[in-house]
């Protein structure tokens, strides 16, 4: 005998279908929530990791400023509790040291460069591992190379009240040290100047044109931090 499709039976079928649909929707929402949770806790890609700097100094020391002759500020470096803050037109970088590595990060906490200590100096690398500069402390002053082989390296050599910068035995300029300031010069032209009594070799990288501008600025900050 065929079962009649009565209103009461139709109501029971509709209720059953509604419950099944509700269960399907609930399961889909749970899966979506799981995906969102996993995305929120996923580890960012290497080189783009943003970190918080909870132990950053609240007060920084005196600024070492570098300006052009028309008084436009090129960079400033400050220190506090073994930390360094580098400010340029491109933005602000803060250096944090852990073991034999110092990481320069921007205001968002993204790493920009890593400085690795060596027995005779240090290396500056990008977050991708590319070498930006290899720096050695020498008896005559400082040697800065663009590669591990050290070919065609820059050399900074103190001579009296000057630090001369050479490459391939050709003088590229000099840092002239006065009682209350230093001037970075190429021939008779003053490129940069800084007030105060600072070791002239700190500003020698500003004459090393084949280094990128960011590398030159980080190198200045590192020499300040290390007291070279």
C-alpha atoms as a PDB file:
ATOM      1  CA  UNK A   1       0.000   0.000   0.000  1.00  0.00           C
ATOM      2  CA  UNK A   2       1.316   3.415  -0.880  1.00  0.00           C
ATOM      3  CA  UNK A   3       1.947   5.787   2.001  1.00  0.00           C
ATOM      4  CA  UNK A   4      -0.105   8.940   1.730  1.00  0.00           C
ATOM      5  CA  UNK A   5       1.760  12.251   1.621  1.00  0.00           C
ATOM      6  CA  UNK A   6      -0.221  13.910   4.384  1.00  0.00           C
ATOM      7  CA  UNK A   7       0.359  17.434   5.773  1.00  0.00           C
ATOM      8  CA  UNK A   8       1.648  15.887   9.013  1.00  0.00           C
ATOM      9  CA  UNK A   9       4.212  13.798   7.088  1.00  0.00           C
ATOM     10  CA  UNK A  10       5.267  16.821   5.049  1.00  0.00           C
ATOM     11  CA  UNK A  11       5.899  18.749   8.256  1.00  0.00           C
ATOM     12  CA  UNK A  12       8.090  15.939   9.654  1.00  0.00           C
ATOM     13  CA  UNK A  13      10.126  15.793   6.433  1.00  0.00           C
ATOM     14  CA  UNK A  14      10.615  19.574   6.428  1.00  0.00           C
ATOM     15  CA  UNK A  15      11.801  19.485  10.042  1.00  0.00           C
ATOM     16  CA  UNK A  16      14.276  16.713   9.237  1.00  0.00           C
ATOM     17  CA  UNK A  17      15.661  18.592   6.254  1.00  0.00           C
ATOM     18  CA  UNK A  18      16.004  21.765   8.328  1.00  0.00           C
ATOM     19  CA  UNK A  19      18.026  19.956  10.993  1.00  0.00           C
ATOM     20  CA  UNK A  20      20.347  18.454   8.376  1.00  0.00           C
ATOM     21  CA  UNK A  21      20.894  21.855   6.765  1.00  0.00           C
ATOM     22  CA  UNK A  22      21.653  23.399  10.164  1.00  0.00           C
ATOM     23  CA  UNK A  23      24.298  20.715  10.868  1.00  0.00           C
ATOM     24  CA  UNK A  24      25.930  21.308   7.461  1.00  0.00           C
ATOM     25  CA  UNK A  25      26.125  25.072   8.054  1.00  0.00           C
ATOM     26  CA  UNK A  26      27.538  24.607  11.566  1.00  0.00           C
ATOM     27  CA  UNK A  27      30.249  22.284  10.242  1.00  0.00           C
ATOM     28  CA  UNK A  28      31.200  24.755   7.507  1.00  0.00           C
ATOM     29  CA  UNK A  29      31.475  27.608  10.030  1.00  0.00           C
ATOM     30  CA  UNK A  30      33.686  25.483  12.288  1.00  0.00           C
ATOM     31  CA  UNK A  31      36.036  24.646   9.380  1.00  0.00           C
ATOM     32  CA  UNK A  32      36.248  28.320   8.391  1.00  0.00           C
ATOM     33  CA  UNK A  33      37.050  29.338  11.972  1.00  0.00           C
ATOM     34  CA  UNK A  34      39.824  26.737  12.070  1.00  0.00           C
ATOM     35  CA  UNK A  35      41.339  28.120   8.856  1.00  0.00           C
ATOM     36  CA  UNK A  36      41.286  31.675  10.216  1.00  0.00           C
ATOM     37  CA  UNK A  37      42.886  30.544  13.459  1.00  0.00           C
ATOM     38  CA  UNK A  38      45.682  28.732  11.628  1.00  0.00           C
ATOM     39  CA  UNK A  39      46.291  31.789   9.406  1.00  0.00           C
ATOM     40  CA  UNK A  40      46.507  34.072  12.432  1.00  0.00           C
ATOM     41  CA  UNK A  41      49.123  31.903  14.129  1.00  0.00           C
ATOM     42  CA  UNK A  42      51.153  31.020  11.026  1.00  0.00           C
ATOM     43  CA  UNK A  43      54.849  31.980  11.088  1.00  0.00           C
ATOM     44  CA  UNK A  44      55.658  34.926   8.734  1.00  0.00           C
ATOM     45  CA  UNK A  45      58.086  34.339   5.881  1.00  0.00           C
ATOM     46  CA  UNK A  46      61.793  34.681   6.660  1.00  0.00           C
ATOM     47  CA  UNK A  47      63.099  38.212   6.160  1.00  0.00           C
ATOM     48  CA  UNK A  48      59.691  39.862   6.713  1.00  0.00           C
ATOM     49  CA  UNK A  49      59.145  38.925  10.360  1.00  0.00           C
ATOM     50  CA  UNK A  50      57.854  41.775  12.488  1.00  0.00           C
ATOM     51  CA  UNK A  51      58.841  41.652  16.144  1.00  0.00           C
ATOM     52  CA  UNK A  52      58.100  43.801  19.163  1.00  0.00           C
ATOM     53  CA  UNK A  53      60.910  45.604  20.932  1.00  0.00           C
ATOM     54  CA  UNK A  54      59.699  45.589  24.501  1.00  0.00           C
ATOM     55  CA  UNK A  55      63.129  46.354  25.997  1.00  0.00           C
ATOM     56  CA  UNK A  56      63.877  49.380  23.798  1.00  0.00           C
ATOM     57  CA  UNK A  57      65.357  52.310  25.769  1.00  0.00           C
ATOM     58  CA  UNK A  58      62.875  55.010  26.758  1.00  0.00           C
ATOM     59  CA  UNK A  59      65.609  57.640  26.670  1.00  0.00           C
ATOM     60  CA  UNK A  60      68.456  57.907  24.178  1.00  0.00           C
ATOM     61  CA  UNK A  61      71.797  59.638  24.527  1.00  0.00           C
ATOM     62  CA  UNK A  62      73.234  62.618  22.717  1.00  0.00           C
ATOM     63  CA  UNK A  63      72.784  62.701  18.947  1.00  0.00           C
ATOM     64  CA  UNK A  64      75.679  62.549  16.545  1.00  0.00           C
ATOM     65  CA  UNK A  65      74.346  64.405  13.526  1.00  0.00           C
ATOM     66  CA  UNK A  66      75.689  64.505   9.983  1.00  0.00           C
ATOM     67  CA  UNK A  67      74.559  67.412   7.827  1.00  0.00           C
ATOM     68  CA  UNK A  68      75.277  68.856   4.406  1.00  0.00           C
ATOM     69  CA  UNK A  69      76.892  72.321   4.205  1.00  0.00           C
ATOM     70  CA  UNK A  70      73.400  73.833   3.763  1.00  0.00           C
ATOM     71  CA  UNK A  71      72.422  72.290   7.147  1.00  0.00           C
ATOM     72  CA  UNK A  72      70.180  69.528   5.768  1.00  0.00           C
ATOM     73  CA  UNK A  73      70.364  66.529   8.113  1.00  0.00           C
ATOM     74  CA  UNK A  74      71.625  63.349   6.438  1.00  0.00           C
ATOM     75  CA  UNK A  75      71.619  61.063   9.453  1.00  0.00           C
ATOM     76  CA  UNK A  76      71.777  60.960  13.219  1.00  0.00           C
ATOM     77  CA  UNK A  77      72.980  58.255  15.589  1.00  0.00           C
ATOM     78  CA  UNK A  78      72.075  57.836  19.255  1.00  0.00           C
ATOM     79  CA  UNK A  79      73.095  55.261  21.831  1.00  0.00           C
ATOM     80  CA  UNK A  80      71.568  53.928  25.039  1.00  0.00           C
ATOM     81  CA  UNK A  81      72.229  50.770  27.068  1.00  0.00           C
ATOM     82  CA  UNK A  82      74.346  49.263  24.313  1.00  0.00           C
ATOM     83  CA  UNK A  83      71.645  49.939  21.716  1.00  0.00           C
ATOM     84  CA  UNK A  84      71.799  52.224  18.664  1.00  0.00           C
ATOM     85  CA  UNK A  85      69.158  54.259  16.863  1.00  0.00           C
ATOM     86  CA  UNK A  86      69.893  55.394  13.309  1.00  0.00           C
ATOM     87  CA  UNK A  87      67.669  58.046  11.743  1.00  0.00           C
ATOM     88  CA  UNK A  88      67.887  58.983   8.054  1.00  0.00           C
ATOM     89  CA  UNK A  89      65.586  60.451   5.419  1.00  0.00           C
ATOM     90  CA  UNK A  90      64.517  56.873   4.614  1.00  0.00           C
ATOM     91  CA  UNK A  91      63.286  56.268   8.178  1.00  0.00           C
ATOM     92  CA  UNK A  92      64.489  55.088  11.583  1.00  0.00           C
ATOM     93  CA  UNK A  93      66.354  51.858  12.310  1.00  0.00           C
ATOM     94  CA  UNK A  94      67.075  50.437  15.757  1.00  0.00           C
ATOM     95  CA  UNK A  95      69.841  47.937  16.430  1.00  0.00           C
ATOM     96  CA  UNK A  96      69.453  45.064  18.864  1.00  0.00           C
ATOM     97  CA  UNK A  97      72.295  42.677  19.707  1.00  0.00           C
ATOM     98  CA  UNK A  98      71.941  39.016  20.584  1.00  0.00           C
ATOM     99  CA  UNK A  99      75.120  36.984  20.868  1.00  0.00           C
ATOM    100  CA  UNK A 100      77.417  37.812  17.983  1.00  0.00           C
ATOM    101  CA  UNK A 101      74.646  39.258  15.802  1.00  0.00           C
ATOM    102  CA  UNK A 102      73.139  42.728  15.704  1.00  0.00           C
ATOM    103  CA  UNK A 103      69.886  43.198  13.821  1.00  0.00           C
ATOM    104  CA  UNK A 104      68.781  46.559  12.428  1.00  0.00           C
ATOM    105  CA  UNK A 105      64.980  46.777  12.246  1.00  0.00           C
ATOM    106  CA  UNK A 106      62.549  49.472  11.128  1.00  0.00           C
ATOM    107  CA  UNK A 107      59.792  51.054  13.228  1.00  0.00           C
ATOM    108  CA  UNK A 108      57.448  48.171  12.373  1.00  0.00           C
ATOM    109  CA  UNK A 109      59.977  45.678  13.768  1.00  0.00           C
ATOM    110  CA  UNK A 110      60.914  44.282  10.352  1.00  0.00           C
ATOM    111  CA  UNK A 111      64.580  43.249  10.065  1.00  0.00           C
ATOM    112  CA  UNK A 112      66.488  45.232   7.437  1.00  0.00           C
ATOM    113  CA  UNK A 113      70.108  44.192   7.960  1.00  0.00           C
ATOM    114  CA  UNK A 114      72.168  41.875  10.147  1.00  0.00           C
ATOM    115  CA  UNK A 115      75.680  42.584  11.422  1.00  0.00           C
ATOM    116  CA  UNK A 116      77.782  39.531  12.292  1.00  0.00           C
ATOM    117  CA  UNK A 117      80.845  39.910  14.522  1.00  0.00           C
ATOM    118  CA  UNK A 118      84.200  38.517  13.419  1.00  0.00           C
ATOM    119  CA  UNK A 119      87.519  38.258  15.246  1.00  0.00           C
ATOM    120  CA  UNK A 120      88.977  41.083  13.148  1.00  0.00           C
ATOM    121  CA  UNK A 121      85.842  43.105  12.436  1.00  0.00           C
ATOM    122  CA  UNK A 122      82.318  42.425  11.197  1.00  0.00           C
ATOM    123  CA  UNK A 123      80.089  41.804   8.189  1.00  0.00           C
ATOM    124  CA  UNK A 124      76.913  43.611   7.182  1.00  0.00           C
ATOM    125  CA  UNK A 125      74.360  41.461   5.345  1.00  0.00           C
ATOM    126  CA  UNK A 126      70.847  41.826   4.065  1.00  0.00           C
ATOM    127  CA  UNK A 127      68.103  39.643   5.548  1.00  0.00           C
ATOM    128  CA  UNK A 128      68.452  37.437   2.458  1.00  0.00           C
ATOM    129  CA  UNK A 129      72.066  36.697   3.400  1.00  0.00           C
ATOM    130  CA  UNK A 130      73.606  38.869   0.666  1.00  0.00           C
ATOM    131  CA  UNK A 131      76.882  40.500   1.721  1.00  0.00           C
ATOM    132  CA  UNK A 132      76.695  44.287   1.861  1.00  0.00           C
ATOM    133  CA  UNK A 133      80.108  45.012   3.359  1.00  0.00           C
ATOM    134  CA  UNK A 134      82.989  43.223   5.049  1.00  0.00           C
ATOM    135  CA  UNK A 135      84.846  45.392   7.540  1.00  0.00           C
ATOM    136  CA  UNK A 136      88.258  44.700   9.036  1.00  0.00           C
ATOM    137  CA  UNK A 137      90.140  46.637  11.672  1.00  0.00           C
ATOM    138  CA  UNK A 138      93.741  47.042  10.524  1.00  0.00           C
ATOM    139  CA  UNK A 139      96.948  48.456  11.980  1.00  0.00           C
ATOM    140  CA  UNK A 140      96.678  51.320   9.498  1.00  0.00           C
ATOM    141  CA  UNK A 141      92.984  51.939  10.193  1.00  0.00           C
ATOM    142  CA  UNK A 142      90.078  50.175   8.457  1.00  0.00           C
ATOM    143  CA  UNK A 143      89.458  48.073   5.348  1.00  0.00           C
ATOM    144  CA  UNK A 144      85.984  47.826   3.792  1.00  0.00           C
ATOM    145  CA  UNK A 145      85.266  45.259   1.056  1.00  0.00           C
ATOM    146  CA  UNK A 146      82.208  44.568  -1.054  1.00  0.00           C
ATOM    147  CA  UNK A 147      83.001  40.853  -1.263  1.00  0.00           C
ATOM    148  CA  UNK A 148      84.671  38.107   0.759  1.00  0.00           C
ATOM    149  CA  UNK A 149      87.775  38.182  -1.431  1.00  0.00           C
ATOM    150  CA  UNK A 150      88.516  41.773  -0.434  1.00  0.00           C
ATOM    151  CA  UNK A 151      89.411  42.862  -3.963  1.00  0.00           C
ATOM    152  CA  UNK A 152      89.393  46.593  -4.696  1.00  0.00           C
ATOM    153  CA  UNK A 153      88.659  47.321  -1.052  1.00  0.00           C
ATOM    154  CA  UNK A 154      88.344  50.775   0.446  1.00  0.00           C
ATOM    155  CA  UNK A 155      90.971  51.749   2.999  1.00  0.00           C
ATOM    156  CA  UNK A 156      90.618  54.427   5.666  1.00  0.00           C
ATOM    157  CA  UNK A 157      93.944  55.603   7.072  1.00  0.00           C
ATOM    158  CA  UNK A 158      94.474  58.279   9.754  1.00  0.00           C
ATOM    159  CA  UNK A 159      97.121  60.882   8.875  1.00  0.00           C
ATOM    160  CA  UNK A 160      97.512  63.540  11.544  1.00  0.00           C
ATOM    161  CA  UNK A 161      94.235  65.471  11.763  1.00  0.00           C
ATOM    162  CA  UNK A 162      92.796  63.660   8.734  1.00  0.00           C
ATOM    163  CA  UNK A 163      91.475  60.233   7.843  1.00  0.00           C
ATOM    164  CA  UNK A 164      92.200  59.586   4.182  1.00  0.00           C
ATOM    165  CA  UNK A 165      89.985  57.234   2.184  1.00  0.00           C
ATOM    166  CA  UNK A 166      91.641  55.380  -0.699  1.00  0.00           C
ATOM    167  CA  UNK A 167      90.791  52.713  -3.242  1.00  0.00           C
ATOM    168  CA  UNK A 168      93.288  51.209  -5.681  1.00  0.00           C
ATOM    169  CA  UNK A 169      95.853  53.636  -4.183  1.00  0.00           C
ATOM    170  CA  UNK A 170      93.712  56.551  -5.362  1.00  0.00           C
ATOM    171  CA  UNK A 171      92.615  59.056  -2.724  1.00  0.00           C
ATOM    172  CA  UNK A 172      88.847  59.564  -2.798  1.00  0.00           C
ATOM    173  CA  UNK A 173      88.634  62.163  -0.073  1.00  0.00           C
ATOM    174  CA  UNK A 174      89.330  62.729   3.592  1.00  0.00           C
ATOM    175  CA  UNK A 175      87.666  63.353   6.920  1.00  0.00           C
ATOM    176  CA  UNK A 176      89.177  66.485   8.481  1.00  0.00           C
ATOM    177  CA  UNK A 177      89.045  66.609  12.282  1.00  0.00           C
ATOM    178  CA  UNK A 178      88.822  70.002  14.020  1.00  0.00           C
ATOM    179  CA  UNK A 179      88.561  70.839  17.725  1.00  0.00           C
ATOM    180  CA  UNK A 180      84.760  71.046  17.687  1.00  0.00           C
ATOM    181  CA  UNK A 181      83.669  69.365  14.443  1.00  0.00           C
ATOM    182  CA  UNK A 182      84.595  67.109  11.561  1.00  0.00           C
ATOM    183  CA  UNK A 183      84.222  67.679   7.832  1.00  0.00           C
ATOM    184  CA  UNK A 184      83.984  65.047   5.111  1.00  0.00           C
ATOM    185  CA  UNK A 185      85.738  66.477   2.065  1.00  0.00           C
ATOM    186  CA  UNK A 186      86.471  65.530  -1.519  1.00  0.00           C
ATOM    187  CA  UNK A 187      89.280  67.786  -2.611  1.00  0.00           C
ATOM    188  CA  UNK A 188      88.344  71.285  -1.480  1.00  0.00           C
ATOM    189  CA  UNK A 189      84.611  70.537  -1.480  1.00  0.00           C
ATOM    190  CA  UNK A 190      82.899  69.845   1.844  1.00  0.00           C
ATOM    191  CA  UNK A 191      80.300  67.104   1.434  1.00  0.00           C
ATOM    192  CA  UNK A 192      79.217  66.600   5.039  1.00  0.00           C
ATOM    193  CA  UNK A 193      79.988  67.922   8.494  1.00  0.00           C
ATOM    194  CA  UNK A 194      79.297  66.968  12.087  1.00  0.00           C
ATOM    195  CA  UNK A 195      79.650  69.004  15.254  1.00  0.00           C
ATOM    196  CA  UNK A 196      81.396  67.608  18.288  1.00  0.00           C
ATOM    197  CA  UNK A 197      84.496  65.547  18.937  1.00  0.00           C
ATOM    198  CA  UNK A 198      84.116  62.226  17.133  1.00  0.00           C
ATOM    199  CA  UNK A 199      86.788  59.920  15.756  1.00  0.00           C
ATOM    200  CA  UNK A 200      87.169  60.813  12.082  1.00  0.00           C
ATOM    201  CA  UNK A 201      87.209  57.187  10.906  1.00  0.00           C
ATOM    202  CA  UNK A 202      83.514  56.916  11.872  1.00  0.00           C
ATOM    203  CA  UNK A 203      82.594  59.129   8.914  1.00  0.00           C
ATOM    204  CA  UNK A 204      84.958  57.553   6.368  1.00  0.00           C
ATOM    205  CA  UNK A 205      82.201  55.298   4.908  1.00  0.00           C
ATOM    206  CA  UNK A 206      80.440  58.409   3.595  1.00  0.00           C
ATOM    207  CA  UNK A 207      83.175  58.593   0.930  1.00  0.00           C
ATOM    208  CA  UNK A 208      82.723  54.961  -0.175  1.00  0.00           C
ATOM    209  CA  UNK A 209      80.377  55.563  -3.080  1.00  0.00           C
ATOM    210  CA  UNK A 210      80.090  51.992  -4.351  1.00  0.00           C
ATOM    211  CA  UNK A 211      78.431  50.951  -1.106  1.00  0.00           C
ATOM    212  CA  UNK A 212      74.684  51.591  -1.120  1.00  0.00           C
ATOM    213  CA  UNK A 213      73.529  54.623   0.841  1.00  0.00           C
ATOM    214  CA  UNK A 214      71.837  52.410   3.424  1.00  0.00           C
ATOM    215  CA  UNK A 215      75.027  50.369   3.865  1.00  0.00           C
ATOM    216  CA  UNK A 216      77.077  53.535   4.365  1.00  0.00           C
ATOM    217  CA  UNK A 217      74.671  54.799   6.995  1.00  0.00           C
ATOM    218  CA  UNK A 218      74.513  51.493   8.896  1.00  0.00           C
ATOM    219  CA  UNK A 219      78.302  51.300   8.766  1.00  0.00           C
ATOM    220  CA  UNK A 220      78.559  54.752  10.353  1.00  0.00           C
ATOM    221  CA  UNK A 221      76.151  53.639  13.098  1.00  0.00           C
ATOM    222  CA  UNK A 222      78.135  50.441  13.713  1.00  0.00           C
ATOM    223  CA  UNK A 223      81.419  52.338  14.025  1.00  0.00           C
ATOM    224  CA  UNK A 224      79.767  54.648  16.552  1.00  0.00           C
ATOM    225  CA  UNK A 225      78.391  51.655  18.477  1.00  0.00           C
ATOM    226  CA  UNK A 226      81.769  49.924  18.529  1.00  0.00           C
ATOM    227  CA  UNK A 227      83.714  53.063  19.431  1.00  0.00           C
ATOM    228  CA  UNK A 228      86.124  52.766  16.506  1.00  0.00           C
END
